Protein backbone atom coordinates (compact mmCIF):
# COMPACT_ATOMS: atom_id res chain seq x y z
CA MET A 1 0.00 0.00 0.00
CA ALA A 2 2.82 2.42 0.82
CA ALA A 3 4.11 2.25 -2.75
CA ARG A 4 0.89 3.89 -3.92
CA TRP A 5 1.64 7.11 -2.08
CA GLY A 6 3.87 9.95 -3.26
CA LEU A 7 6.51 11.74 -1.26
CA ASN A 8 4.02 14.40 -0.17
CA GLY A 9 1.51 11.87 1.12
CA SER A 10 -0.75 12.08 -1.95
CA VAL A 11 -1.66 9.20 -4.22
CA PRO A 12 -0.22 9.48 -7.77
CA GLY A 13 -3.15 10.47 -10.00
CA ALA A 14 -5.25 11.99 -7.19
CA ALA A 15 -7.64 14.83 -8.07
CA ARG A 16 -6.02 17.21 -5.58
CA LEU A 17 -2.72 16.94 -7.44
CA LEU A 18 -4.29 17.90 -10.77
CA LEU A 19 -7.10 20.31 -9.91
CA VAL A 20 -6.71 23.34 -7.65
CA ASP A 21 -9.57 23.79 -5.19
CA GLY A 22 -11.60 26.99 -5.52
CA ILE A 23 -10.41 27.77 -9.05
CA ALA A 24 -13.19 28.12 -11.63
CA LEU A 25 -12.62 26.21 -14.88
CA LEU A 26 -13.41 27.75 -18.27
CA ARG A 27 -14.48 24.38 -19.73
CA PRO A 28 -15.11 22.34 -16.58
CA GLU A 29 -16.26 19.05 -18.14
CA GLU A 30 -13.49 18.91 -20.72
CA GLN A 31 -10.80 20.03 -18.26
CA VAL A 32 -11.83 17.59 -15.53
CA PHE A 33 -11.86 14.73 -18.02
CA THR A 34 -8.39 15.70 -19.29
CA ALA A 35 -7.17 15.82 -15.67
CA MET A 36 -8.68 12.37 -15.09
CA LEU A 37 -6.74 10.95 -18.05
CA THR A 38 -3.53 12.55 -16.77
CA GLY A 39 -4.14 11.10 -13.33
CA PHE A 40 -4.94 7.68 -14.82
CA ALA A 41 -1.63 7.74 -16.71
CA ASN A 42 0.30 8.80 -13.60
CA GLN A 43 -1.29 6.04 -11.54
CA GLN A 44 -0.37 3.37 -14.09
CA LEU A 45 3.17 4.66 -14.51
CA ALA A 46 3.53 4.57 -10.72
CA ARG A 47 2.64 0.85 -10.98
CA ASN A 48 5.59 0.49 -13.37
CA LEU A 49 3.44 -0.39 -16.40
CA ALA A 50 5.05 0.12 -19.82
CA ARG A 51 4.45 3.52 -21.37
CA THR A 52 3.05 1.86 -24.50
CA THR A 53 0.48 0.04 -22.35
CA VAL A 54 -0.48 3.27 -20.61
CA GLU A 55 -0.85 5.16 -23.89
CA GLY A 56 -2.90 2.37 -25.42
CA ARG A 57 -5.36 2.34 -22.53
CA GLU A 58 -5.60 6.13 -22.57
CA ASN A 59 -6.41 6.11 -26.29
CA THR A 60 -9.06 3.44 -25.76
CA VAL A 61 -10.76 5.52 -23.05
CA LYS A 62 -10.74 8.53 -25.40
CA ALA A 63 -12.26 6.42 -28.17
CA PHE A 64 -15.04 5.17 -25.89
CA THR A 65 -15.73 8.71 -24.70
CA ALA A 66 -16.02 9.91 -28.30
CA TYR A 67 -18.36 7.03 -29.14
CA VAL A 68 -20.81 7.65 -26.28
CA ASN A 69 -20.37 11.42 -26.58
CA THR A 70 -20.49 12.01 -22.85
CA TYR A 71 -18.08 12.12 -19.94
CA PRO A 72 -17.27 9.38 -17.38
CA TRP A 73 -19.63 10.66 -14.67
CA ASN A 74 -22.52 9.98 -17.09
CA TRP A 75 -21.45 6.54 -18.35
CA THR A 76 -23.73 3.50 -17.98
CA PRO A 77 -23.23 -0.25 -18.58
CA ALA A 78 -25.63 -0.05 -21.53
CA MET A 79 -23.18 2.26 -23.31
CA VAL A 80 -20.47 -0.38 -22.95
CA ASP A 81 -22.83 -3.02 -24.36
CA GLU A 82 -23.56 -0.92 -27.43
CA TRP A 83 -19.91 0.03 -27.98
CA LEU A 84 -18.56 -3.51 -27.73
CA GLY A 85 -21.40 -4.79 -29.90
CA ASP A 86 -20.52 -2.32 -32.64
CA LEU A 87 -16.83 -3.20 -32.42
CA ARG A 88 -17.67 -6.87 -33.00
CA SER A 89 -20.33 -6.43 -35.69
CA LEU A 90 -19.02 -3.44 -37.65
CA ARG A 91 -15.25 -3.64 -37.27
CA ASP A 92 -15.02 -7.43 -36.85
CA LEU A 93 -12.32 -7.13 -34.18
CA LYS A 94 -10.81 -10.22 -32.60
CA ARG A 95 -12.01 -11.46 -29.21
CA SER A 96 -8.69 -10.69 -27.56
CA THR A 97 -8.80 -7.11 -28.90
CA ILE A 98 -12.35 -6.58 -27.68
CA ARG A 99 -11.38 -7.85 -24.25
CA SER A 100 -8.35 -5.54 -24.08
CA TYR A 101 -10.58 -2.55 -24.92
CA SER A 102 -13.09 -3.43 -22.22
CA GLU A 103 -10.23 -3.99 -19.76
CA ALA A 104 -8.91 -0.49 -20.48
CA VAL A 105 -12.30 1.07 -19.69
CA ARG A 106 -12.71 -1.16 -16.62
CA SER A 107 -9.29 -0.07 -15.29
CA PHE A 108 -10.11 3.59 -15.88
CA CYS A 109 -13.45 3.26 -14.07
CA HIS A 110 -11.77 1.45 -11.20
CA PHE A 111 -9.32 4.34 -10.93
CA VAL A 112 -11.87 7.18 -10.99
CA THR A 113 -14.24 5.43 -8.55
CA ASP A 114 -11.55 4.62 -5.98
CA PRO A 115 -12.11 7.03 -3.02
CA LEU A 116 -8.33 7.33 -2.56
CA TYR A 117 -8.09 9.39 -5.75
CA GLU A 118 -11.01 11.69 -4.82
CA TRP A 119 -12.46 11.87 -8.34
CA THR A 120 -15.94 10.83 -7.19
CA ALA A 121 -16.05 13.66 -4.67
CA THR A 122 -14.70 16.13 -7.21
CA CYS A 123 -17.35 15.20 -9.79
CA GLU A 124 -20.12 15.31 -7.19
CA ASP A 125 -19.08 18.83 -6.19
CA ARG A 126 -18.76 20.13 -9.75
CA PHE A 127 -21.44 18.21 -11.67
CA GLY A 128 -23.82 16.80 -9.06
CA THR A 129 -23.06 13.23 -10.09
CA HIS A 130 -20.10 10.89 -10.10
CA PRO A 131 -18.59 8.06 -12.19
CA VAL A 132 -19.43 4.41 -11.50
CA GLN A 133 -17.95 1.12 -12.69
CA VAL A 134 -19.66 0.26 -15.99
CA VAL A 135 -17.66 -2.82 -17.00
CA HIS A 136 -18.71 -6.03 -15.25
CA GLU A 137 -18.39 -9.77 -15.79
CA TRP A 138 -21.96 -9.94 -17.07
CA ASN A 139 -21.44 -7.46 -19.94
CA THR A 140 -17.93 -8.32 -21.14
CA ALA A 141 -16.05 -11.34 -22.41
CA VAL A 142 -13.73 -13.21 -20.08
CA HIS A 143 -10.48 -14.95 -20.88
CA VAL A 144 -11.43 -18.62 -20.76
CA GLN A 145 -8.86 -20.27 -23.04
CA ASP A 146 -5.09 -20.69 -22.82
CA ASN A 147 -4.73 -19.77 -26.47
CA GLU A 148 -6.99 -17.33 -28.30
CA SER A 149 -4.85 -16.67 -31.35
CA ASP A 150 -6.29 -16.81 -34.85
CA PRO A 151 -6.83 -20.51 -35.63
CA LYS A 152 -5.43 -19.93 -39.12
CA LYS A 153 -1.99 -19.23 -37.68
CA ARG A 154 0.31 -22.21 -37.90
CA ALA A 155 3.90 -23.40 -38.26
CA PHE A 156 5.69 -23.95 -41.56
CA THR A 157 6.05 -27.49 -42.74
CA LYS A 158 9.70 -28.35 -43.30
CA ALA A 159 9.14 -28.31 -47.07
CA GLU A 160 7.52 -24.85 -46.89
CA LEU A 161 10.32 -23.53 -44.72
CA HIS A 162 12.96 -24.87 -47.10
CA ALA A 163 11.16 -23.20 -50.02
CA PHE A 164 10.84 -19.93 -48.11
CA PHE A 165 14.54 -19.74 -47.23
CA ALA A 166 15.50 -20.76 -50.78
CA HIS A 167 13.35 -17.91 -52.10
CA CYS A 168 15.10 -15.49 -49.72
CA ASP A 169 18.48 -16.52 -51.13
CA ASP A 170 17.22 -16.41 -54.73
CA GLU A 171 15.99 -12.85 -54.26
CA VAL A 172 19.39 -11.75 -52.98
CA ALA A 173 21.07 -13.32 -56.03
CA ARG A 174 18.50 -11.86 -58.44
CA ILE A 175 18.78 -8.29 -57.13
CA ARG A 176 22.56 -8.49 -57.00
CA SER A 177 22.75 -9.75 -60.59
CA LEU A 178 20.90 -6.60 -61.68
CA GLY A 179 23.62 -4.47 -60.11
CA ARG A 180 21.31 -2.94 -57.53
CA LYS A 181 22.27 -2.05 -53.96
CA GLY A 182 18.99 -3.51 -52.74
CA TRP A 183 20.69 -6.88 -52.35
CA LEU A 184 22.16 -5.74 -49.02
CA PRO A 185 18.77 -5.19 -47.31
CA ALA A 186 17.49 -8.39 -48.93
CA PHE A 187 20.46 -10.31 -47.50
CA ARG A 188 19.88 -8.74 -44.08
CA ASP A 189 16.18 -9.64 -44.08
CA ALA A 190 16.94 -13.21 -45.17
CA THR A 191 19.34 -13.52 -42.24
CA VAL A 192 16.73 -12.07 -39.88
CA PHE A 193 14.22 -14.74 -40.95
CA LYS A 194 16.76 -17.54 -40.61
CA THR A 195 17.89 -16.29 -37.19
CA ALA A 196 14.30 -16.10 -35.91
CA TYR A 197 13.85 -19.75 -36.85
CA ALA A 198 17.32 -20.81 -35.64
CA TYR A 199 16.64 -19.49 -32.12
CA GLY A 200 12.83 -19.49 -31.94
CA THR A 201 12.69 -15.76 -31.25
CA ARG A 202 9.75 -13.41 -31.52
CA ARG A 203 9.78 -10.52 -33.97
CA ASN A 204 10.84 -7.79 -31.54
CA GLU A 205 13.28 -10.13 -29.78
CA THR A 206 14.94 -10.72 -33.14
CA ARG A 207 14.85 -7.07 -34.20
CA MET A 208 16.45 -5.86 -30.97
CA LEU A 209 19.44 -8.21 -31.09
CA ASP A 210 22.90 -6.63 -31.10
CA ALA A 211 26.02 -8.10 -32.63
CA ALA A 212 27.40 -8.63 -29.12
CA ASP A 213 24.44 -10.86 -28.21
CA PHE A 214 25.97 -13.83 -30.02
CA GLY A 215 28.78 -15.73 -28.35
CA ARG A 216 30.47 -19.04 -27.62
CA ASN A 217 28.97 -22.00 -25.79
CA PRO A 218 31.73 -23.90 -23.92
CA HIS A 219 29.61 -27.04 -24.13
CA GLY A 220 29.05 -26.65 -27.87
CA VAL A 221 32.45 -25.69 -29.23
CA GLU A 222 31.54 -26.95 -32.68
CA PHE A 223 29.36 -23.86 -33.12
CA GLY A 224 32.36 -21.53 -32.67
CA GLU A 225 31.54 -17.89 -32.06
CA TYR A 226 27.83 -18.50 -32.50
CA GLY A 227 27.02 -21.12 -29.89
CA ARG A 228 24.42 -19.06 -28.08
CA CYS A 229 22.16 -16.04 -28.48
CA GLN A 230 21.38 -13.71 -25.58
CA VAL A 231 17.82 -12.41 -25.88
CA ARG A 232 17.57 -9.18 -23.89
CA PHE A 233 14.18 -7.89 -25.02
CA GLY A 234 11.98 -10.90 -24.30
CA LYS A 235 8.24 -10.63 -23.79
CA ALA A 236 7.60 -8.91 -20.46
CA LYS A 237 4.87 -9.35 -17.91
CA LYS A 238 2.76 -6.31 -17.04
CA GLY A 239 4.71 -3.93 -14.87
CA SER A 240 7.99 -5.74 -15.45
CA PRO A 241 11.02 -5.01 -17.63
CA PRO A 242 11.79 -7.14 -20.72
CA LYS A 243 12.57 -10.73 -19.81
CA ARG A 244 16.07 -12.00 -20.64
CA ARG A 245 17.04 -15.52 -21.63
CA GLY A 246 19.93 -17.34 -23.24
CA VAL A 247 19.18 -19.55 -26.24
CA LEU A 248 21.63 -22.27 -27.27
CA THR A 249 22.39 -22.95 -30.92
CA VAL A 250 20.99 -26.30 -32.08
CA PHE A 251 21.20 -26.27 -35.89
CA ASP A 252 24.60 -26.90 -37.49
CA TRP A 253 23.93 -24.46 -40.34
CA THR A 254 23.38 -21.48 -38.03
CA PRO A 255 27.06 -20.47 -37.52
CA ASP A 256 27.68 -20.36 -41.29
CA VAL A 257 24.68 -18.06 -41.84
CA LEU A 258 25.68 -15.68 -39.04
CA ASP A 259 29.39 -15.69 -39.84
CA GLU A 260 28.76 -14.70 -43.46
CA TRP A 261 26.45 -11.90 -42.34
CA PHE A 262 28.66 -10.44 -39.61
CA THR A 263 32.02 -10.76 -41.36
CA GLU A 264 31.17 -10.08 -45.02
CA VAL A 265 27.82 -8.33 -45.44
CA ARG A 266 26.98 -6.30 -42.34
CA PRO A 267 30.16 -4.16 -42.56
CA GLN A 268 28.94 -2.91 -45.95
CA PHE A 269 26.12 -1.07 -44.17
CA GLY A 270 28.71 1.24 -42.61
CA THR A 271 28.04 0.00 -39.10
CA ASP A 272 30.85 1.77 -37.24
CA GLY A 273 29.50 2.63 -33.82
CA ASN A 274 26.18 0.86 -34.47
CA PRO A 275 25.66 -2.11 -32.11
CA ALA A 276 22.52 -3.40 -33.86
CA ALA A 277 22.76 -6.84 -35.43
CA TRP A 278 20.41 -5.76 -38.23
CA PRO A 279 21.15 -2.12 -39.13
CA SER A 280 18.73 -0.08 -41.18
CA GLU A 281 19.71 1.82 -44.30
CA ARG A 282 18.64 5.06 -42.63
CA GLY A 283 18.66 4.40 -38.90
CA LEU A 284 19.99 2.38 -36.01
CA ARG A 285 18.15 -0.88 -36.68
CA ILE A 286 15.51 -2.40 -38.91
CA GLY A 287 11.87 -1.65 -38.10
CA CYS A 288 8.96 -4.04 -37.63
CA GLN A 289 7.09 -2.71 -40.67
CA ARG A 290 10.04 -3.47 -42.92
CA ILE A 291 10.27 -7.02 -41.57
CA ASN A 292 6.54 -7.58 -42.06
CA SER A 293 6.42 -6.20 -45.60
CA ARG A 294 9.35 -8.34 -46.76
CA PHE A 295 7.90 -11.45 -45.15
CA GLN A 296 4.50 -10.85 -46.73
CA ALA A 297 6.02 -10.26 -50.17
CA TYR A 298 7.93 -13.54 -50.03
CA ARG A 299 4.94 -15.46 -48.69
CA GLU A 300 2.72 -14.19 -51.49
CA ALA A 301 5.37 -14.84 -54.14
CA LEU A 302 5.44 -18.49 -53.06
CA GLY A 303 1.65 -18.74 -52.90
CA LEU A 304 1.67 -19.66 -49.20
CA ASP A 305 -1.47 -19.00 -47.16
CA ASP A 306 -1.81 -16.05 -44.80
CA GLY A 307 -1.88 -18.36 -41.80
CA LEU A 308 1.91 -18.06 -41.96
CA ASP A 309 3.38 -14.92 -40.43
CA PHE A 310 6.69 -13.95 -38.85
CA HIS A 311 5.68 -15.66 -35.60
CA SER A 312 5.29 -18.88 -37.60
CA LEU A 313 9.10 -19.10 -37.62
CA ARG A 314 8.95 -19.43 -33.82
CA ARG A 315 6.07 -21.90 -34.05
CA SER A 316 8.12 -23.91 -36.53
CA TYR A 317 11.17 -23.94 -34.25
CA VAL A 318 9.14 -25.46 -31.40
CA THR A 319 7.23 -27.86 -33.63
CA HIS A 320 10.24 -29.16 -35.54
CA LEU A 321 12.36 -29.70 -32.43
CA ILE A 322 9.57 -31.63 -30.72
CA GLU A 323 8.93 -33.67 -33.86
CA ASP A 324 12.63 -34.50 -34.03
CA GLY A 325 12.59 -35.86 -30.49
CA TRP A 326 14.13 -33.00 -28.50
CA ASP A 327 13.22 -32.94 -24.83
CA PRO A 328 10.10 -30.76 -24.31
CA ARG A 329 11.59 -29.15 -21.18
CA PHE A 330 14.66 -28.09 -23.18
CA VAL A 331 12.45 -26.58 -25.89
CA GLN A 332 10.36 -24.81 -23.25
CA GLU A 333 13.42 -23.14 -21.75
CA GLN A 334 14.85 -22.27 -25.16
CA VAL A 335 11.76 -20.26 -26.12
CA GLY A 336 11.21 -18.81 -22.64
CA HIS A 337 7.78 -20.25 -21.89
CA GLU A 338 6.98 -20.15 -18.18
CA HIS A 339 4.58 -23.08 -18.46
CA ALA A 340 4.91 -26.30 -20.42
CA SER A 341 1.27 -25.97 -21.47
CA THR A 342 2.20 -22.89 -23.49
CA THR A 343 4.84 -24.82 -25.43
CA SER A 344 2.39 -27.64 -26.11
CA ILE A 345 0.00 -25.18 -27.79
CA TYR A 346 2.53 -24.76 -30.61
CA THR A 347 2.59 -28.46 -31.45
CA CYS A 348 0.39 -31.51 -31.73
CA VAL A 349 2.61 -33.16 -29.11
CA SER A 350 1.02 -32.83 -25.69
CA SER A 351 1.78 -33.76 -22.10
CA ASP A 352 4.03 -36.63 -21.03
CA PHE A 353 0.97 -38.42 -19.66
CA ARG A 354 -0.80 -38.42 -23.02
CA THR A 355 2.39 -39.33 -24.87
CA ARG A 356 3.12 -42.27 -22.55
CA THR A 357 -0.49 -43.44 -22.76
CA LEU A 358 -0.45 -43.39 -26.56
CA ARG A 359 2.90 -45.20 -26.69
CA ARG A 360 1.74 -47.85 -24.25
CA HIS A 361 -1.39 -48.63 -26.25
CA LEU A 362 0.50 -48.68 -29.55
CA ASP A 363 3.10 -51.04 -28.11
CA THR A 364 0.34 -53.28 -26.72
CA THR A 365 -1.43 -53.36 -30.09
CA ILE A 366 1.77 -54.19 -31.96
CA ALA A 367 2.72 -56.89 -29.46
CA ALA A 368 -0.73 -58.47 -29.74
CA ALA A 369 -0.54 -58.43 -33.54
CA LEU A 370 2.91 -60.05 -33.54
CA GLN A 371 1.80 -62.72 -31.07
CA GLY A 372 -1.24 -63.52 -33.20
CA ARG A 373 0.91 -63.84 -36.30
CA SER A 374 3.38 -66.17 -34.60
CA GLY A 375 0.47 -68.32 -33.35
CA ARG A 376 -0.92 -68.70 -36.86
CA ASN A 377 2.50 -69.62 -38.25
CA ALA A 378 2.87 -72.34 -35.62
């Protein structure tokens, strides 16, 4: 509880810190609402939430306010019903997106109705009414599944992945044969895709790698200078910094790909003083939009379905290792999943219990068939 209080004894985001008592406001409704949003942001930042999360929630509250065309002290649950219904029917947003929008409004209402922040008293004094919680379990969707991603999303088959990487290399050769400088970015992007698969990294994890993040593994000397990859910008929990993890190299082709990039191609970008593993032509490092556009262009050129995206490289890493018999716990730690159930979502291979049960019944069936055959031969 003490962490919620500022140095002067006031709660971050409290009305008294943002509105001066006894001062008349020129546009009271608009100014109070703006002060509420500022207080909401301060309260969330005090909880150590990421600034992007705070800004996203603030924008959602603004969007809801614009939709209902009234301020928080006049909101009702019916307004939430209508808004969420329109988002589903007219904009066809995903369930997870709808739930995040409702959660943003719920969090805002929880903030402005908490007596500690004094917004209810402020609104009662100025407008004769006060905000209430308008988002409840009975008018919003709840998170009931471990995995709510688009069911179209999937891993590459090994044949598809081979074709995709071959196309990456062919594009580099084609552009270079035309005498164009565009072969350098094409080579970089091809290496980004291969690295994401080689280490099972997410898009931003891959993008934020530095050259210094690759190093030796004393227990895998055959991989040389590229025996491990240090991921420093892993997916974070709410209110926590990016999660770090070390990923060990498992594919024998990985060092050759990285060595060619770092020793022969990357220096041609003029990378002096730039730590980024994947420098941009105009900035420090490559952007997400560039990665996405290149991936989509290659996918469409090969006629692959849109269920494959950049994250499919990570799905493929997990799936292919499990299919090849790697220990599920090792794979889980490589990709940084806290729970084994998360790793199992990526593959058709499930828990040890189910695997052992299947194997036991298959072995029993085979043994029975062999015994029956030997009996007939006798």
